Every structure is written in structure tokens, then in C-alpha cells.
Amino acid sequence: MTAKYQQAQVELKQKQPSQSSSSKQQQKPTKILGDEERISLHARKFSVMNEPFISNDAFLKARPIDVRSDNPRRWDTPESALRGLIAELYEEVPRELHSMIEKHTRFRDLVWSITLFLL
């Protein structure tokens, strides 16, 4: 009976996914999400962790050169605050979505709809 029990345990372990394949399965959903789902996810994170209200002027702009969001001089003028917000957006959103920030109104519209929903 002990041999059968041990054999059953071995078979059970072989059927269960290993820890590494389990972690790969957990990563898959984020990799296969469509652009809209990914944008929505990052919009929610950004509005909770960074800025709850994102100006319309922060979208459809290229990433500012030589501007960092953590620079305290960011808040000196309204223009520098906007450039800091744009920089912060580019810093937090994954690189593969950067072209959408700069070129697509759909990105802006999705972010706006998410931030309005969170209010």
C-alpha cells in the first residue's frame, strides 16, 4: 500500500504546475491584454498613485526633453507644471504605449473616462 501511495503522490506532483510555470501563467493575462485594457489599467494606477486629475493639455504631446517629474522646480510656473505632468505620464506608462500618448486621441479619451469614473 505504501508503494501505491508514493506512486500516487508522484503522479499528483507531475500533474500540478510547477511554481515557475504558475508564475508564468499569472503574467500571461497582462501580456495578452489589448491596448484599451492596458491603457485603462495604467490610467487607474496613474490617477491613484500620481495625479488624480490629468489636464487635457498633457496628451498628444511628445515627451519633454530634459524634464523630470521629480524636479521641485516643476511647480514654478503653470507651463513647467504641465511639462512635469507630461514627463510623469511618460515615466509611468510603459514604453510600448508612448506613441499612443503622443499620437492617438483614443488614449486621452480612455484615460479621461477612467479618471472621471474614479471620482
C-alpha atoms as a PDB file:
ATOM      1  CA  MET A   1       0.000   0.000   0.000  1.00  0.00           C
ATOM      2  CA  THR A   2       2.869   2.386   0.729  1.00  0.00           C
ATOM      3  CA  ALA A   3       4.295   1.943  -2.780  1.00  0.00           C
ATOM      4  CA  LYS A   4       0.896   2.743  -4.333  1.00  0.00           C
ATOM      5  CA  TYR A   5       0.580   5.812  -2.095  1.00  0.00           C
ATOM      6  CA  GLN A   6       4.038   7.048  -3.095  1.00  0.00           C
ATOM      7  CA  GLN A   7       3.263   6.415  -6.774  1.00  0.00           C
ATOM      8  CA  ALA A   8       0.033   8.402  -6.435  1.00  0.00           C
ATOM      9  CA  GLN A   9       1.928  11.300  -4.834  1.00  0.00           C
ATOM     10  CA  VAL A  10       4.461  11.305  -7.687  1.00  0.00           C
ATOM     11  CA  GLU A  11       1.678  11.315 -10.284  1.00  0.00           C
ATOM     12  CA  LEU A  12      -0.111  14.117  -8.473  1.00  0.00           C
ATOM     13  CA  LYS A  13       3.042  16.249  -8.356  1.00  0.00           C
ATOM     14  CA  GLN A  14       3.593  15.683 -12.076  1.00  0.00           C
ATOM     15  CA  LYS A  15       0.065  16.873 -12.848  1.00  0.00           C
ATOM     16  CA  GLN A  16       0.398  20.043 -10.756  1.00  0.00           C
ATOM     17  CA  PRO A  17       2.073  23.016 -12.441  1.00  0.00           C
ATOM     18  CA  SER A  18       5.450  23.921 -11.055  1.00  0.00           C
ATOM     19  CA  GLN A  19       5.972  27.229  -9.269  1.00  0.00           C
ATOM     20  CA  SER A  20       7.801  28.722 -12.255  1.00  0.00           C
ATOM     21  CA  SER A  21       5.080  27.774 -14.741  1.00  0.00           C
ATOM     22  CA  SER A  22       2.484  29.048 -12.291  1.00  0.00           C
ATOM     23  CA  SER A  23       4.153  32.461 -12.162  1.00  0.00           C
ATOM     24  CA  LYS A  24       4.335  32.471 -15.969  1.00  0.00           C
ATOM     25  CA  GLN A  25       0.600  31.796 -16.110  1.00  0.00           C
ATOM     26  CA  GLN A  26      -0.020  34.731 -13.778  1.00  0.00           C
ATOM     27  CA  GLN A  27       1.982  37.019 -16.080  1.00  0.00           C
ATOM     28  CA  LYS A  28       0.170  35.938 -19.256  1.00  0.00           C
ATOM     29  CA  PRO A  29      -3.036  37.914 -18.752  1.00  0.00           C
ATOM     30  CA  THR A  30      -1.181  41.229 -18.668  1.00  0.00           C
ATOM     31  CA  LYS A  31       0.735  40.275 -21.810  1.00  0.00           C
ATOM     32  CA  ILE A  32      -2.367  39.383 -23.774  1.00  0.00           C
ATOM     33  CA  LEU A  33      -4.464  42.336 -22.717  1.00  0.00           C
ATOM     34  CA  GLY A  34      -5.492  44.584 -25.558  1.00  0.00           C
ATOM     35  CA  ASP A  35      -4.295  48.162 -25.775  1.00  0.00           C
ATOM     36  CA  GLU A  36      -7.518  49.535 -24.322  1.00  0.00           C
ATOM     37  CA  GLU A  37      -7.344  47.270 -21.284  1.00  0.00           C
ATOM     38  CA  ARG A  38      -3.693  48.139 -20.718  1.00  0.00           C
ATOM     39  CA  ILE A  39      -4.368  51.854 -21.055  1.00  0.00           C
ATOM     40  CA  SER A  40      -7.269  51.565 -18.609  1.00  0.00           C
ATOM     41  CA  LEU A  41      -5.090  49.695 -16.128  1.00  0.00           C
ATOM     42  CA  HIS A  42      -2.309  52.290 -16.286  1.00  0.00           C
ATOM     43  CA  ALA A  43      -4.807  55.162 -16.167  1.00  0.00           C
ATOM     44  CA  ARG A  44      -6.271  53.814 -12.923  1.00  0.00           C
ATOM     45  CA  LYS A  45      -2.819  53.314 -11.430  1.00  0.00           C
ATOM     46  CA  PHE A  46      -1.664  56.771 -12.503  1.00  0.00           C
ATOM     47  CA  SER A  47      -4.740  58.539 -11.163  1.00  0.00           C
ATOM     48  CA  VAL A  48      -4.450  56.781  -7.796  1.00  0.00           C
ATOM     49  CA  MET A  49      -0.688  56.858  -7.328  1.00  0.00           C
ATOM     50  CA  ASN A  50       0.342  60.027  -9.183  1.00  0.00           C
ATOM     51  CA  GLU A  51      -2.210  62.607 -10.312  1.00  0.00           C
ATOM     52  CA  PRO A  52      -5.965  62.206  -9.830  1.00  0.00           C
ATOM     53  CA  PHE A  53      -6.778  64.898 -12.407  1.00  0.00           C
ATOM     54  CA  ILE A  54      -4.872  64.913 -15.671  1.00  0.00           C
ATOM     55  CA  SER A  55      -5.134  68.004 -17.787  1.00  0.00           C
ATOM     56  CA  ASN A  56      -6.288  67.538 -21.371  1.00  0.00           C
ATOM     57  CA  ASP A  57      -3.203  69.516 -22.353  1.00  0.00           C
ATOM     58  CA  ALA A  58      -0.950  66.671 -21.175  1.00  0.00           C
ATOM     59  CA  PHE A  59      -2.000  64.442 -24.068  1.00  0.00           C
ATOM     60  CA  LEU A  60      -0.996  64.418 -27.707  1.00  0.00           C
ATOM     61  CA  LYS A  61       2.396  65.847 -26.802  1.00  0.00           C
ATOM     62  CA  ALA A  62       5.892  64.491 -27.274  1.00  0.00           C
ATOM     63  CA  ARG A  63       7.912  63.595 -24.211  1.00  0.00           C
ATOM     64  CA  PRO A  64       9.591  66.777 -22.958  1.00  0.00           C
ATOM     65  CA  ILE A  65      13.338  66.797 -23.304  1.00  0.00           C
ATOM     66  CA  ASP A  66      15.390  67.347 -20.137  1.00  0.00           C
ATOM     67  CA  VAL A  67      12.338  67.380 -17.850  1.00  0.00           C
ATOM     68  CA  ARG A  68      11.888  65.069 -14.898  1.00  0.00           C
ATOM     69  CA  SER A  69       8.755  64.769 -12.855  1.00  0.00           C
ATOM     70  CA  ASP A  70      10.646  64.786  -9.560  1.00  0.00           C
ATOM     71  CA  ASN A  71      12.289  68.156 -10.148  1.00  0.00           C
ATOM     72  CA  PRO A  72      10.990  70.580  -7.473  1.00  0.00           C
ATOM     73  CA  ARG A  73      11.159  73.457  -9.993  1.00  0.00           C
ATOM     74  CA  ARG A  74       8.393  71.658 -11.830  1.00  0.00           C
ATOM     75  CA  TRP A  75       5.833  73.672  -9.861  1.00  0.00           C
ATOM     76  CA  ASP A  76       7.321  77.145 -10.518  1.00  0.00           C
ATOM     77  CA  THR A  77       5.018  78.063 -13.412  1.00  0.00           C
ATOM     78  CA  PRO A  78       1.881  76.599 -14.988  1.00  0.00           C
ATOM     79  CA  GLU A  79       3.933  75.726 -18.078  1.00  0.00           C
ATOM     80  CA  SER A  80       6.592  73.883 -16.078  1.00  0.00           C
ATOM     81  CA  ALA A  81       3.878  72.081 -14.098  1.00  0.00           C
ATOM     82  CA  LEU A  82       2.327  70.871 -17.369  1.00  0.00           C
ATOM     83  CA  ARG A  83       5.709  69.770 -18.722  1.00  0.00           C
ATOM     84  CA  GLY A  84       6.320  67.928 -15.447  1.00  0.00           C
ATOM     85  CA  LEU A  85       2.938  66.198 -15.724  1.00  0.00           C
ATOM     86  CA  ILE A  86       3.711  65.125 -19.295  1.00  0.00           C
ATOM     87  CA  ALA A  87       7.105  63.817 -18.178  1.00  0.00           C
ATOM     88  CA  GLU A  88       5.454  61.966 -15.291  1.00  0.00           C
ATOM     89  CA  LEU A  89       2.972  60.371 -17.661  1.00  0.00           C
ATOM     90  CA  TYR A  90       5.783  59.132 -19.916  1.00  0.00           C
ATOM     91  CA  GLU A  91       7.766  57.887 -16.899  1.00  0.00           C
ATOM     92  CA  GLU A  92       4.869  55.816 -15.560  1.00  0.00           C
ATOM     93  CA  VAL A  93       3.301  54.442 -18.742  1.00  0.00           C
ATOM     94  CA  PRO A  94       5.128  51.522 -20.403  1.00  0.00           C
ATOM     95  CA  ARG A  95       7.335  52.461 -23.323  1.00  0.00           C
ATOM     96  CA  GLU A  96       5.281  50.484 -25.848  1.00  0.00           C
ATOM     97  CA  LEU A  97       2.328  52.818 -25.198  1.00  0.00           C
ATOM     98  CA  HIS A  98       4.296  56.075 -25.565  1.00  0.00           C
ATOM     99  CA  SER A  99       3.362  56.555 -29.216  1.00  0.00           C
ATOM    100  CA  MET A 100      -0.294  56.377 -28.203  1.00  0.00           C
ATOM    101  CA  ILE A 101       0.190  59.179 -25.656  1.00  0.00           C
ATOM    102  CA  GLU A 102       1.664  61.355 -28.367  1.00  0.00           C
ATOM    103  CA  LYS A 103      -0.448  60.465 -31.398  1.00  0.00           C
ATOM    104  CA  HIS A 104      -3.843  58.979 -30.515  1.00  0.00           C
ATOM    105  CA  THR A 105      -6.882  60.729 -29.105  1.00  0.00           C
ATOM    106  CA  ARG A 106      -8.197  57.329 -28.025  1.00  0.00           C
ATOM    107  CA  PHE A 107      -5.502  57.179 -25.332  1.00  0.00           C
ATOM    108  CA  ARG A 108      -6.617  60.542 -23.943  1.00  0.00           C
ATOM    109  CA  ASP A 109     -10.287  59.604 -24.115  1.00  0.00           C
ATOM    110  CA  LEU A 110      -9.742  56.327 -22.265  1.00  0.00           C
ATOM    111  CA  VAL A 111      -7.702  57.991 -19.543  1.00  0.00           C
ATOM    112  CA  TRP A 112     -10.314  60.705 -19.130  1.00  0.00           C
ATOM    113  CA  SER A 113     -13.159  58.207 -18.909  1.00  0.00           C
ATOM    114  CA  ILE A 114     -11.277  56.208 -16.263  1.00  0.00           C
ATOM    115  CA  THR A 115     -10.412  59.241 -14.144  1.00  0.00           C
ATOM    116  CA  LEU A 116     -14.000  60.514 -14.325  1.00  0.00           C
ATOM    117  CA  PHE A 117     -15.246  57.096 -13.255  1.00  0.00           C
ATOM    118  CA  LEU A 118     -12.962  57.143 -10.208  1.00  0.00           C
ATOM    119  CA  LEU A 119     -14.400  60.427  -8.943  1.00  0.00           C
END
